[in-house]
Amino acid sequence: MVLQFIEGRVLESTEFARPEMLERIVALIRRCHLDVPQYLRGPAMMFWVFHVIRDYAHTLRELESSHVSELSRLIEIGRHLETAIGPISVVFGHNDLLSANFIDDGDRVWLIDWDYAGFNSPLFDLGGLASNNEFSDSMELDLLACYFDAPPSEGLLIRYRAMKCASLLRESMWSMVSERTSKVDFDFASYTETNLRRFEDAWSRFQEKRF
């Protein structure tokens, strides 16, 4: 559904490395998280990444995906990550922070594509932003410090890294499902492989507490 045409340009992932752009993006994410609920009416979705992961697993089994043999291990990792995150604060998340979903009109940055929007932990948007746009370690620390107005504690880093792993796992499993269901002319098999590799790296770092 198109509500308004925005004259502007889509952001590139590399632009998030500029401190002034990161500050603008964090301010926009905060507005999404805290202001949107003030205007919502009626039922609204809860986007809980671990439910999504479990549902993808059921779908992949029904589709007799070539990835079925991997699912038990991935679901067990998901359980571990969900436990590591623990209790959450609830905000209204965008839940799909690809660089292509930001438009800069020269005056402000707009968020588009609200298909996955719903209540969630703020850490999912932060972890998704970092994983989707391949933030460096220092950029991730800057992101958390900017959002929370303080350097992240070790406890926050653990929860954040767990959510980042979950974001990469969800993207990998979404691609697995898309391999069997999508009509789009795109190499989903390669996309799955790329995201699984990035997920495994993030999971290894999480286990080793390399933050």
N, C-alpha and C. Protein backbone atom coordinates (compact mmCIF):
# COMPACT_ATOMS: atom_id res chain seq x y z
N MET A 1 0.85 -1.19 0.00
CA MET A 1 0.00 0.00 0.00
C MET A 1 0.88 1.24 0.00
N VAL A 2 0.70 2.11 -0.96
CA VAL A 2 1.46 3.35 -1.04
C VAL A 2 0.60 4.48 -0.47
N LEU A 3 1.06 5.11 0.57
CA LEU A 3 0.33 6.21 1.20
C LEU A 3 0.83 7.56 0.73
N GLN A 4 2.12 7.63 0.40
CA GLN A 4 2.71 8.91 0.04
C GLN A 4 3.99 8.66 -0.74
N PHE A 5 4.22 9.46 -1.79
CA PHE A 5 5.48 9.35 -2.53
C PHE A 5 6.52 10.21 -1.83
N ILE A 6 7.68 9.64 -1.57
CA ILE A 6 8.77 10.35 -0.90
C ILE A 6 9.89 10.59 -1.90
N GLU A 7 10.20 11.82 -2.15
CA GLU A 7 11.32 12.17 -3.02
C GLU A 7 12.59 12.08 -2.20
N GLY A 8 13.44 11.13 -2.53
CA GLY A 8 14.67 10.96 -1.77
C GLY A 8 15.48 9.81 -2.33
N ARG A 9 16.45 9.36 -1.55
CA ARG A 9 17.31 8.28 -2.00
C ARG A 9 17.38 7.21 -0.91
N VAL A 10 17.49 5.98 -1.36
CA VAL A 10 17.64 4.85 -0.44
C VAL A 10 19.06 4.84 0.13
N LEU A 11 19.19 4.58 1.40
CA LEU A 11 20.51 4.57 2.03
C LEU A 11 21.32 3.34 1.61
N GLU A 12 22.62 3.49 1.62
CA GLU A 12 23.55 2.37 1.43
C GLU A 12 24.07 1.93 2.80
N SER A 13 24.35 0.65 2.92
CA SER A 13 24.82 0.11 4.21
C SER A 13 26.05 0.85 4.74
N THR A 14 26.94 1.25 3.83
CA THR A 14 28.18 1.90 4.25
C THR A 14 27.95 3.24 4.94
N GLU A 15 26.79 3.84 4.72
CA GLU A 15 26.53 5.17 5.29
C GLU A 15 26.34 5.12 6.81
N PHE A 16 25.98 3.96 7.34
CA PHE A 16 25.74 3.87 8.78
C PHE A 16 27.03 4.05 9.58
N ALA A 17 28.17 3.93 8.92
CA ALA A 17 29.45 4.10 9.62
C ALA A 17 29.70 5.57 9.97
N ARG A 18 29.00 6.49 9.33
CA ARG A 18 29.18 7.92 9.64
C ARG A 18 28.44 8.24 10.93
N PRO A 19 29.15 8.77 11.94
CA PRO A 19 28.50 9.03 13.24
C PRO A 19 27.24 9.87 13.13
N GLU A 20 27.26 10.89 12.26
CA GLU A 20 26.08 11.75 12.16
C GLU A 20 24.88 10.99 11.58
N MET A 21 25.13 10.06 10.65
CA MET A 21 24.04 9.26 10.10
C MET A 21 23.53 8.26 11.13
N LEU A 22 24.45 7.65 11.87
CA LEU A 22 24.03 6.69 12.90
C LEU A 22 23.14 7.37 13.93
N GLU A 23 23.47 8.59 14.32
CA GLU A 23 22.66 9.32 15.28
C GLU A 23 21.26 9.58 14.73
N ARG A 24 21.17 9.92 13.43
CA ARG A 24 19.86 10.15 12.81
C ARG A 24 19.04 8.86 12.78
N ILE A 25 19.71 7.76 12.48
CA ILE A 25 19.02 6.48 12.39
C ILE A 25 18.53 6.03 13.78
N VAL A 26 19.37 6.18 14.79
CA VAL A 26 18.98 5.79 16.14
C VAL A 26 17.80 6.64 16.61
N ALA A 27 17.82 7.93 16.32
CA ALA A 27 16.69 8.80 16.70
C ALA A 27 15.40 8.34 16.02
N LEU A 28 15.50 7.93 14.76
CA LEU A 28 14.33 7.44 14.03
C LEU A 28 13.82 6.13 14.64
N ILE A 29 14.73 5.23 14.97
CA ILE A 29 14.33 3.95 15.57
C ILE A 29 13.66 4.19 16.92
N ARG A 30 14.21 5.11 17.70
CA ARG A 30 13.60 5.43 19.00
C ARG A 30 12.18 5.96 18.81
N ARG A 31 11.98 6.84 17.80
CA ARG A 31 10.64 7.37 17.55
C ARG A 31 9.68 6.24 17.19
N CYS A 32 10.16 5.32 16.37
CA CYS A 32 9.35 4.16 16.01
C CYS A 32 8.98 3.37 17.26
N HIS A 33 9.95 3.10 18.09
CA HIS A 33 9.74 2.27 19.27
C HIS A 33 8.78 2.89 20.27
N LEU A 34 8.91 4.19 20.49
CA LEU A 34 8.19 4.84 21.59
C LEU A 34 6.98 5.64 21.16
N ASP A 35 7.01 6.21 19.95
CA ASP A 35 5.92 7.11 19.54
C ASP A 35 4.80 6.40 18.80
N VAL A 36 5.14 5.40 17.98
CA VAL A 36 4.11 4.74 17.17
C VAL A 36 2.96 4.20 18.03
N PRO A 37 3.24 3.55 19.20
CA PRO A 37 2.12 3.02 19.99
C PRO A 37 1.11 4.07 20.43
N GLN A 38 1.53 5.34 20.46
CA GLN A 38 0.60 6.40 20.87
C GLN A 38 -0.48 6.64 19.83
N TYR A 39 -0.27 6.16 18.61
CA TYR A 39 -1.22 6.42 17.52
C TYR A 39 -1.93 5.16 17.04
N LEU A 40 -1.54 3.99 17.51
CA LEU A 40 -2.14 2.75 17.06
C LEU A 40 -3.54 2.57 17.64
N ARG A 41 -4.42 1.98 16.83
CA ARG A 41 -5.75 1.59 17.30
C ARG A 41 -5.97 0.13 16.95
N GLY A 42 -6.68 -0.57 17.81
CA GLY A 42 -7.06 -1.95 17.51
C GLY A 42 -5.93 -2.94 17.76
N PRO A 43 -6.17 -4.20 17.38
CA PRO A 43 -5.17 -5.25 17.61
C PRO A 43 -3.86 -4.95 16.87
N ALA A 44 -2.75 -5.36 17.46
CA ALA A 44 -1.44 -5.18 16.83
C ALA A 44 -0.63 -6.46 17.04
N MET A 45 0.22 -6.76 16.09
CA MET A 45 0.99 -8.00 16.13
C MET A 45 2.13 -7.94 17.14
N MET A 46 2.46 -9.09 17.72
CA MET A 46 3.68 -9.26 18.49
C MET A 46 4.63 -10.06 17.61
N PHE A 47 5.77 -9.48 17.27
CA PHE A 47 6.76 -10.16 16.45
C PHE A 47 7.85 -10.72 17.37
N TRP A 48 7.69 -11.99 17.75
CA TRP A 48 8.68 -12.62 18.62
C TRP A 48 9.51 -13.54 17.76
N VAL A 49 10.78 -13.22 17.59
CA VAL A 49 11.62 -13.91 16.61
C VAL A 49 11.69 -15.41 16.86
N PHE A 50 11.62 -15.83 18.11
CA PHE A 50 11.76 -17.26 18.40
C PHE A 50 10.50 -18.05 18.02
N HIS A 51 9.35 -17.41 18.12
CA HIS A 51 8.13 -18.03 17.59
C HIS A 51 8.24 -18.15 16.06
N VAL A 52 8.74 -17.09 15.42
CA VAL A 52 8.90 -17.10 13.96
C VAL A 52 9.84 -18.24 13.54
N ILE A 53 10.93 -18.40 14.26
CA ILE A 53 11.90 -19.46 13.95
C ILE A 53 11.25 -20.83 14.09
N ARG A 54 10.51 -21.04 15.18
CA ARG A 54 9.84 -22.33 15.36
C ARG A 54 8.81 -22.59 14.27
N ASP A 55 8.10 -21.54 13.87
CA ASP A 55 7.10 -21.70 12.82
C ASP A 55 7.76 -22.02 11.47
N TYR A 56 8.88 -21.35 11.17
CA TYR A 56 9.62 -21.67 9.95
C TYR A 56 10.05 -23.14 9.95
N ALA A 57 10.46 -23.64 11.12
CA ALA A 57 10.90 -25.03 11.20
C ALA A 57 9.75 -25.98 10.83
N HIS A 58 8.55 -25.70 11.34
CA HIS A 58 7.38 -26.52 10.98
C HIS A 58 7.14 -26.45 9.47
N THR A 59 7.22 -25.24 8.91
CA THR A 59 6.99 -25.06 7.48
C THR A 59 8.01 -25.83 6.65
N LEU A 60 9.27 -25.77 7.07
CA LEU A 60 10.33 -26.45 6.32
C LEU A 60 10.13 -27.96 6.35
N ARG A 61 9.66 -28.49 7.46
CA ARG A 61 9.39 -29.93 7.52
C ARG A 61 8.23 -30.30 6.59
N GLU A 62 7.20 -29.46 6.59
CA GLU A 62 6.06 -29.72 5.71
C GLU A 62 6.45 -29.65 4.24
N LEU A 63 7.39 -28.78 3.92
CA LEU A 63 7.85 -28.63 2.54
C LEU A 63 8.88 -29.68 2.15
N GLU A 64 9.28 -30.50 3.12
CA GLU A 64 10.34 -31.49 2.90
C GLU A 64 11.60 -30.81 2.34
N SER A 65 11.97 -29.74 3.01
CA SER A 65 13.14 -28.96 2.61
C SER A 65 14.43 -29.78 2.72
N SER A 66 15.38 -29.42 1.92
CA SER A 66 16.70 -30.07 1.99
C SER A 66 17.43 -29.72 3.28
N HIS A 67 16.90 -28.76 4.04
CA HIS A 67 17.54 -28.31 5.28
C HIS A 67 16.96 -28.99 6.53
N VAL A 68 16.04 -29.93 6.35
CA VAL A 68 15.36 -30.55 7.50
C VAL A 68 16.35 -31.14 8.50
N SER A 69 17.42 -31.74 8.01
CA SER A 69 18.39 -32.38 8.92
C SER A 69 19.08 -31.39 9.85
N GLU A 70 19.06 -30.11 9.50
CA GLU A 70 19.72 -29.08 10.31
C GLU A 70 18.81 -28.52 11.38
N LEU A 71 17.50 -28.77 11.27
CA LEU A 71 16.53 -28.02 12.06
C LEU A 71 16.62 -28.29 13.56
N SER A 72 16.81 -29.54 13.97
CA SER A 72 16.85 -29.85 15.40
C SER A 72 17.94 -29.04 16.10
N ARG A 73 19.11 -28.98 15.49
CA ARG A 73 20.21 -28.21 16.09
C ARG A 73 19.87 -26.72 16.11
N LEU A 74 19.32 -26.20 15.03
CA LEU A 74 19.02 -24.76 14.97
C LEU A 74 17.94 -24.38 15.99
N ILE A 75 16.94 -25.24 16.16
CA ILE A 75 15.90 -24.96 17.14
C ILE A 75 16.47 -25.00 18.55
N GLU A 76 17.39 -25.93 18.81
CA GLU A 76 18.02 -26.00 20.14
C GLU A 76 18.85 -24.74 20.40
N ILE A 77 19.56 -24.26 19.40
CA ILE A 77 20.29 -23.01 19.56
C ILE A 77 19.32 -21.87 19.84
N GLY A 78 18.21 -21.86 19.13
CA GLY A 78 17.20 -20.83 19.36
C GLY A 78 16.70 -20.84 20.80
N ARG A 79 16.49 -22.01 21.37
CA ARG A 79 16.06 -22.11 22.77
C ARG A 79 17.11 -21.51 23.70
N HIS A 80 18.36 -21.80 23.41
CA HIS A 80 19.45 -21.28 24.24
C HIS A 80 19.49 -19.75 24.16
N LEU A 81 19.33 -19.22 22.96
CA LEU A 81 19.36 -17.77 22.78
C LEU A 81 18.18 -17.10 23.47
N GLU A 82 17.00 -17.73 23.37
CA GLU A 82 15.80 -17.16 24.00
C GLU A 82 15.98 -17.10 25.52
N THR A 83 16.59 -18.12 26.10
CA THR A 83 16.86 -18.12 27.53
C THR A 83 17.87 -17.04 27.90
N ALA A 84 18.89 -16.89 27.06
CA ALA A 84 19.93 -15.89 27.33
C ALA A 84 19.38 -14.47 27.32
N ILE A 85 18.38 -14.23 26.49
CA ILE A 85 17.80 -12.88 26.41
C ILE A 85 16.98 -12.56 27.65
N GLY A 86 16.24 -13.54 28.17
CA GLY A 86 15.49 -13.34 29.40
C GLY A 86 14.35 -12.35 29.23
N PRO A 87 13.90 -11.72 30.34
CA PRO A 87 12.80 -10.75 30.28
C PRO A 87 13.16 -9.58 29.36
N ILE A 88 12.16 -9.04 28.70
CA ILE A 88 12.42 -7.96 27.74
C ILE A 88 11.58 -6.73 28.04
N SER A 89 12.05 -5.58 27.59
CA SER A 89 11.21 -4.40 27.47
C SER A 89 10.47 -4.51 26.14
N VAL A 90 9.25 -4.02 26.09
CA VAL A 90 8.45 -4.14 24.88
C VAL A 90 8.25 -2.76 24.26
N VAL A 91 8.60 -2.66 22.98
CA VAL A 91 8.43 -1.44 22.19
C VAL A 91 7.75 -1.83 20.88
N PHE A 92 7.46 -0.84 20.05
CA PHE A 92 6.90 -1.15 18.73
C PHE A 92 8.05 -1.18 17.72
N GLY A 93 8.37 -2.37 17.24
CA GLY A 93 9.52 -2.54 16.36
C GLY A 93 9.15 -2.53 14.89
N HIS A 94 10.10 -2.11 14.06
CA HIS A 94 9.96 -2.22 12.61
C HIS A 94 10.26 -3.64 12.16
N ASN A 95 11.34 -4.21 12.71
CA ASN A 95 11.67 -5.63 12.57
C ASN A 95 12.20 -6.04 11.19
N ASP A 96 12.60 -5.08 10.39
CA ASP A 96 13.19 -5.42 9.08
C ASP A 96 14.10 -4.29 8.62
N LEU A 97 15.12 -3.99 9.42
CA LEU A 97 15.92 -2.80 9.18
C LEU A 97 17.06 -3.03 8.19
N LEU A 98 16.68 -3.31 6.96
CA LEU A 98 17.63 -3.32 5.84
C LEU A 98 17.90 -1.87 5.42
N SER A 99 19.06 -1.63 4.85
CA SER A 99 19.36 -0.27 4.40
C SER A 99 18.35 0.20 3.35
N ALA A 100 17.82 -0.74 2.55
CA ALA A 100 16.85 -0.38 1.50
C ALA A 100 15.53 0.12 2.06
N ASN A 101 15.31 -0.03 3.36
CA ASN A 101 14.06 0.43 3.96
C ASN A 101 14.20 1.81 4.60
N PHE A 102 15.32 2.49 4.36
CA PHE A 102 15.51 3.85 4.81
C PHE A 102 15.60 4.77 3.60
N ILE A 103 14.82 5.84 3.59
CA ILE A 103 14.88 6.84 2.53
C ILE A 103 15.24 8.19 3.15
N ASP A 104 16.28 8.81 2.61
CA ASP A 104 16.72 10.13 3.07
C ASP A 104 16.23 11.17 2.07
N ASP A 105 15.38 12.09 2.51
CA ASP A 105 14.87 13.13 1.61
C ASP A 105 15.70 14.41 1.67
N GLY A 106 16.82 14.35 2.39
CA GLY A 106 17.68 15.52 2.55
C GLY A 106 17.42 16.29 3.81
N ASP A 107 16.22 16.10 4.38
CA ASP A 107 15.85 16.79 5.61
C ASP A 107 15.63 15.79 6.74
N ARG A 108 15.01 14.67 6.41
CA ARG A 108 14.75 13.64 7.41
C ARG A 108 14.89 12.27 6.77
N VAL A 109 15.02 11.24 7.62
CA VAL A 109 15.08 9.86 7.15
C VAL A 109 13.73 9.21 7.43
N TRP A 110 13.22 8.50 6.42
CA TRP A 110 11.94 7.81 6.54
C TRP A 110 12.16 6.30 6.58
N LEU A 111 11.30 5.62 7.34
CA LEU A 111 11.28 4.16 7.36
C LEU A 111 10.12 3.67 6.51
N ILE A 112 10.39 2.73 5.60
CA ILE A 112 9.33 2.15 4.78
C ILE A 112 9.30 0.64 4.97
N ASP A 113 8.30 0.00 4.40
CA ASP A 113 8.13 -1.45 4.42
C ASP A 113 7.86 -1.96 5.84
N TRP A 114 6.63 -1.83 6.28
CA TRP A 114 6.24 -2.16 7.64
C TRP A 114 5.58 -3.53 7.74
N ASP A 115 5.89 -4.40 6.81
CA ASP A 115 5.23 -5.70 6.72
C ASP A 115 5.43 -6.54 7.99
N TYR A 116 6.60 -6.45 8.63
CA TYR A 116 6.90 -7.24 9.83
C TYR A 116 6.73 -6.46 11.12
N ALA A 117 6.22 -5.24 11.04
CA ALA A 117 6.15 -4.38 12.22
C ALA A 117 5.26 -4.98 13.29
N GLY A 118 5.65 -4.78 14.55
CA GLY A 118 4.86 -5.26 15.68
C GLY A 118 5.64 -5.11 16.97
N PHE A 119 4.99 -5.34 18.06
CA PHE A 119 5.64 -5.19 19.37
C PHE A 119 6.75 -6.23 19.53
N ASN A 120 7.84 -5.79 20.14
CA ASN A 120 9.05 -6.61 20.20
C ASN A 120 10.02 -5.99 21.20
N SER A 121 11.12 -6.68 21.43
CA SER A 121 12.23 -6.11 22.19
C SER A 121 12.98 -5.10 21.32
N PRO A 122 13.43 -3.98 21.88
CA PRO A 122 14.23 -3.05 21.09
C PRO A 122 15.51 -3.69 20.58
N LEU A 123 15.99 -4.72 21.27
CA LEU A 123 17.24 -5.36 20.87
C LEU A 123 17.12 -6.06 19.52
N PHE A 124 15.91 -6.45 19.12
CA PHE A 124 15.77 -7.11 17.82
C PHE A 124 16.04 -6.11 16.70
N ASP A 125 15.49 -4.92 16.79
CA ASP A 125 15.77 -3.91 15.76
C ASP A 125 17.24 -3.53 15.75
N LEU A 126 17.84 -3.39 16.93
CA LEU A 126 19.26 -3.00 16.99
C LEU A 126 20.14 -4.12 16.44
N GLY A 127 19.86 -5.34 16.85
CA GLY A 127 20.63 -6.47 16.33
C GLY A 127 20.41 -6.68 14.85
N GLY A 128 19.17 -6.51 14.39
CA GLY A 128 18.87 -6.64 12.98
C GLY A 128 19.54 -5.57 12.14
N LEU A 129 19.52 -4.34 12.64
CA LEU A 129 20.20 -3.25 11.92
C LEU A 129 21.68 -3.57 11.75
N ALA A 130 22.31 -4.05 12.83
CA ALA A 130 23.74 -4.36 12.78
C ALA A 130 24.03 -5.55 11.88
N SER A 131 23.22 -6.60 11.99
CA SER A 131 23.50 -7.80 11.19
C SER A 131 23.17 -7.59 9.72
N ASN A 132 22.06 -6.91 9.43
CA ASN A 132 21.67 -6.68 8.04
C ASN A 132 22.65 -5.79 7.30
N ASN A 133 23.32 -4.92 8.05
CA ASN A 133 24.21 -3.95 7.42
C ASN A 133 25.68 -4.15 7.79
N GLU A 134 25.97 -5.33 8.38
CA GLU A 134 27.34 -5.77 8.66
C GLU A 134 28.17 -4.72 9.42
N PHE A 135 27.63 -4.30 10.57
CA PHE A 135 28.33 -3.36 11.42
C PHE A 135 29.62 -4.00 11.95
N SER A 136 30.64 -3.19 12.12
CA SER A 136 31.85 -3.63 12.81
C SER A 136 31.57 -3.66 14.31
N ASP A 137 32.47 -4.28 15.08
CA ASP A 137 32.31 -4.33 16.54
C ASP A 137 32.20 -2.93 17.13
N SER A 138 33.03 -2.03 16.67
CA SER A 138 33.02 -0.67 17.23
C SER A 138 31.72 0.05 16.88
N MET A 139 31.18 -0.19 15.69
CA MET A 139 29.91 0.42 15.31
C MET A 139 28.77 -0.10 16.18
N GLU A 140 28.84 -1.39 16.52
CA GLU A 140 27.80 -1.95 17.38
C GLU A 140 27.84 -1.32 18.77
N LEU A 141 29.03 -1.11 19.30
CA LEU A 141 29.14 -0.45 20.60
C LEU A 141 28.61 0.98 20.52
N ASP A 142 28.93 1.67 19.43
CA ASP A 142 28.41 3.03 19.24
C ASP A 142 26.89 3.02 19.13
N LEU A 143 26.35 2.03 18.42
CA LEU A 143 24.90 1.91 18.26
C LEU A 143 24.21 1.75 19.61
N LEU A 144 24.72 0.85 20.44
CA LEU A 144 24.11 0.62 21.75
C LEU A 144 24.26 1.82 22.66
N ALA A 145 25.43 2.43 22.65
CA ALA A 145 25.65 3.62 23.49
C ALA A 145 24.74 4.75 23.08
N CYS A 146 24.54 4.91 21.78
CA CYS A 146 23.68 5.99 21.27
C CYS A 146 22.22 5.73 21.63
N TYR A 147 21.77 4.48 21.50
CA TYR A 147 20.36 4.17 21.78
C TYR A 147 20.07 4.26 23.27
N PHE A 148 20.95 3.73 24.11
CA PHE A 148 20.70 3.66 25.55
C PHE A 148 21.32 4.83 26.32
N ASP A 149 21.98 5.73 25.61
CA ASP A 149 22.59 6.92 26.24
C ASP A 149 23.62 6.57 27.29
N ALA A 150 24.29 5.43 27.12
CA ALA A 150 25.35 5.02 28.04
C ALA A 150 26.10 3.85 27.42
N PRO A 151 27.37 3.68 27.74
CA PRO A 151 28.09 2.51 27.25
C PRO A 151 27.40 1.22 27.72
N PRO A 152 27.32 0.20 26.87
CA PRO A 152 26.61 -1.03 27.25
C PRO A 152 27.34 -1.82 28.33
N SER A 153 26.57 -2.34 29.27
CA SER A 153 27.12 -3.24 30.29
C SER A 153 27.36 -4.61 29.68
N GLU A 154 28.07 -5.48 30.40
CA GLU A 154 28.30 -6.83 29.91
C GLU A 154 26.99 -7.59 29.75
N GLY A 155 26.06 -7.38 30.71
CA GLY A 155 24.77 -8.04 30.62
C GLY A 155 23.99 -7.63 29.39
N LEU A 156 24.00 -6.34 29.08
CA LEU A 156 23.32 -5.85 27.88
C LEU A 156 23.98 -6.42 26.63
N LEU A 157 25.30 -6.49 26.61
CA LEU A 157 25.99 -7.04 25.45
C LEU A 157 25.62 -8.49 25.20
N ILE A 158 25.49 -9.26 26.27
CA ILE A 158 25.11 -10.67 26.13
C ILE A 158 23.72 -10.78 25.51
N ARG A 159 22.76 -10.00 26.03
CA ARG A 159 21.40 -10.05 25.50
C ARG A 159 21.34 -9.55 24.07
N TYR A 160 22.09 -8.49 23.79
CA TYR A 160 22.13 -7.94 22.43
C TYR A 160 22.72 -8.95 21.45
N ARG A 161 23.85 -9.58 21.82
CA ARG A 161 24.49 -10.55 20.92
C ARG A 161 23.59 -11.77 20.69
N ALA A 162 22.86 -12.15 21.74
CA ALA A 162 21.91 -13.26 21.57
C ALA A 162 20.83 -12.89 20.56
N MET A 163 20.33 -11.67 20.65
CA MET A 163 19.28 -11.23 19.72
C MET A 163 19.84 -11.06 18.31
N LYS A 164 21.07 -10.63 18.19
CA LYS A 164 21.68 -10.53 16.87
C LYS A 164 21.81 -11.92 16.23
N CYS A 165 22.22 -12.90 17.02
CA CYS A 165 22.27 -14.28 16.52
C CYS A 165 20.88 -14.72 16.04
N ALA A 166 19.86 -14.42 16.85
CA ALA A 166 18.50 -14.81 16.49
C ALA A 166 18.05 -14.14 15.21
N SER A 167 18.45 -12.89 15.02
CA SER A 167 18.11 -12.17 13.79
C SER A 167 18.72 -12.86 12.58
N LEU A 168 19.97 -13.26 12.69
CA LEU A 168 20.63 -13.96 11.58
C LEU A 168 20.03 -15.34 11.35
N LEU A 169 19.64 -16.02 12.42
CA LEU A 169 19.01 -17.33 12.28
C LEU A 169 17.66 -17.20 11.58
N ARG A 170 16.87 -16.21 11.99
CA ARG A 170 15.57 -16.00 11.33
C ARG A 170 15.74 -15.69 9.85
N GLU A 171 16.71 -14.84 9.51
CA GLU A 171 16.93 -14.50 8.10
C GLU A 171 17.34 -15.74 7.31
N SER A 172 18.18 -16.58 7.90
CA SER A 172 18.61 -17.81 7.24
C SER A 172 17.42 -18.73 6.99
N MET A 173 16.56 -18.89 8.00
CA MET A 173 15.43 -19.80 7.86
C MET A 173 14.35 -19.23 6.94
N TRP A 174 14.19 -17.90 6.95
CA TRP A 174 13.29 -17.27 5.97
C TRP A 174 13.74 -17.60 4.56
N SER A 175 15.05 -17.53 4.33
CA SER A 175 15.58 -17.83 3.01
C SER A 175 15.39 -19.30 2.66
N MET A 176 15.55 -20.18 3.65
CA MET A 176 15.29 -21.61 3.41
C MET A 176 13.86 -21.83 2.93
N VAL A 177 12.91 -21.18 3.60
CA VAL A 177 11.51 -21.30 3.18
C VAL A 177 11.33 -20.72 1.78
N SER A 178 11.96 -19.58 1.53
CA SER A 178 11.82 -18.92 0.22
C SER A 178 12.39 -19.76 -0.91
N GLU A 179 13.40 -20.58 -0.60
CA GLU A 179 13.94 -21.48 -1.62
C GLU A 179 12.84 -22.35 -2.23
N ARG A 180 11.85 -22.71 -1.40
CA ARG A 180 10.80 -23.62 -1.85
C ARG A 180 9.53 -22.90 -2.27
N THR A 181 9.32 -21.69 -1.80
CA THR A 181 8.01 -21.04 -2.00
C THR A 181 8.03 -19.80 -2.88
N SER A 182 9.17 -19.11 -2.96
CA SER A 182 9.19 -17.83 -3.65
C SER A 182 9.18 -18.00 -5.17
N LYS A 183 8.45 -17.09 -5.85
CA LYS A 183 8.43 -17.04 -7.31
C LYS A 183 9.38 -15.97 -7.85
N VAL A 184 10.07 -15.28 -6.93
CA VAL A 184 11.00 -14.22 -7.32
C VAL A 184 12.26 -14.83 -7.93
N ASP A 185 12.77 -14.22 -8.99
CA ASP A 185 13.98 -14.70 -9.65
C ASP A 185 15.20 -14.24 -8.84
N PHE A 186 15.56 -15.05 -7.86
CA PHE A 186 16.65 -14.69 -6.94
C PHE A 186 17.28 -15.99 -6.46
N ASP A 187 18.59 -15.96 -6.24
CA ASP A 187 19.32 -17.15 -5.80
C ASP A 187 19.22 -17.29 -4.28
N PHE A 188 18.09 -17.82 -3.82
CA PHE A 188 17.87 -17.96 -2.38
C PHE A 188 18.82 -18.98 -1.77
N ALA A 189 19.24 -19.99 -2.53
CA ALA A 189 20.15 -20.99 -1.98
C ALA A 189 21.47 -20.34 -1.56
N SER A 190 21.99 -19.46 -2.39
CA SER A 190 23.22 -18.75 -2.04
C SER A 190 23.00 -17.80 -0.88
N TYR A 191 21.82 -17.16 -0.86
CA TYR A 191 21.51 -16.23 0.23
C TYR A 191 21.42 -17.00 1.55
N THR A 192 20.82 -18.18 1.51
CA THR A 192 20.77 -19.03 2.71
C THR A 192 22.17 -19.37 3.19
N GLU A 193 23.02 -19.80 2.26
CA GLU A 193 24.38 -20.18 2.62
C GLU A 193 25.14 -19.02 3.24
N THR A 194 25.01 -17.84 2.66
CA THR A 194 25.70 -16.65 3.18
C THR A 194 25.23 -16.33 4.59
N ASN A 195 23.92 -16.34 4.80
CA ASN A 195 23.39 -15.99 6.11
C ASN A 195 23.67 -17.06 7.16
N LEU A 196 23.66 -18.32 6.76
CA LEU A 196 24.03 -19.37 7.71
C LEU A 196 25.47 -19.23 8.15
N ARG A 197 26.34 -18.89 7.21
CA ARG A 197 27.75 -18.70 7.55
C ARG A 197 27.90 -17.55 8.54
N ARG A 198 27.19 -16.46 8.32
CA ARG A 198 27.26 -15.32 9.22
C ARG A 198 26.63 -15.65 10.57
N PHE A 199 25.55 -16.44 10.56
CA PHE A 199 24.93 -16.87 11.81
C PHE A 199 25.90 -17.74 12.62
N GLU A 200 26.53 -18.70 11.97
CA GLU A 200 27.45 -19.60 12.68
C GLU A 200 28.62 -18.83 13.28
N ASP A 201 29.08 -17.82 12.58
CA ASP A 201 30.17 -16.99 13.12
C ASP A 201 29.69 -16.23 14.35
N ALA A 202 28.50 -15.64 14.26
CA ALA A 202 27.96 -14.89 15.39
C ALA A 202 27.69 -15.82 16.58
N TRP A 203 27.20 -17.02 16.31
CA TRP A 203 26.92 -18.00 17.37
C TRP A 203 28.22 -18.44 18.05
N SER A 204 29.27 -18.66 17.27
CA SER A 204 30.57 -19.03 17.85
C SER A 204 31.10 -17.91 18.74
N ARG A 205 30.98 -16.69 18.27
CA ARG A 205 31.45 -15.55 19.06
C ARG A 205 30.63 -15.41 20.34
N PHE A 206 29.34 -15.65 20.23
CA PHE A 206 28.47 -15.55 21.42
C PHE A 206 28.89 -16.58 22.45
N GLN A 207 29.13 -17.81 22.02
CA GLN A 207 29.52 -18.88 22.94
C GLN A 207 30.84 -18.56 23.63
N GLU A 208 31.74 -17.92 22.89
CA GLU A 208 33.07 -17.61 23.42
C GLU A 208 33.09 -16.28 24.15
N LYS A 209 31.92 -15.59 24.17
CA LYS A 209 31.80 -14.26 24.78
C LYS A 209 32.82 -13.29 24.21
N ARG A 210 32.97 -13.36 22.88
CA ARG A 210 33.85 -12.38 22.20
C ARG A 210 32.99 -11.20 21.76
N PHE A 211 32.84 -10.23 22.68
CA PHE A 211 32.00 -9.09 22.41
C PHE A 211 32.83 -7.85 22.06
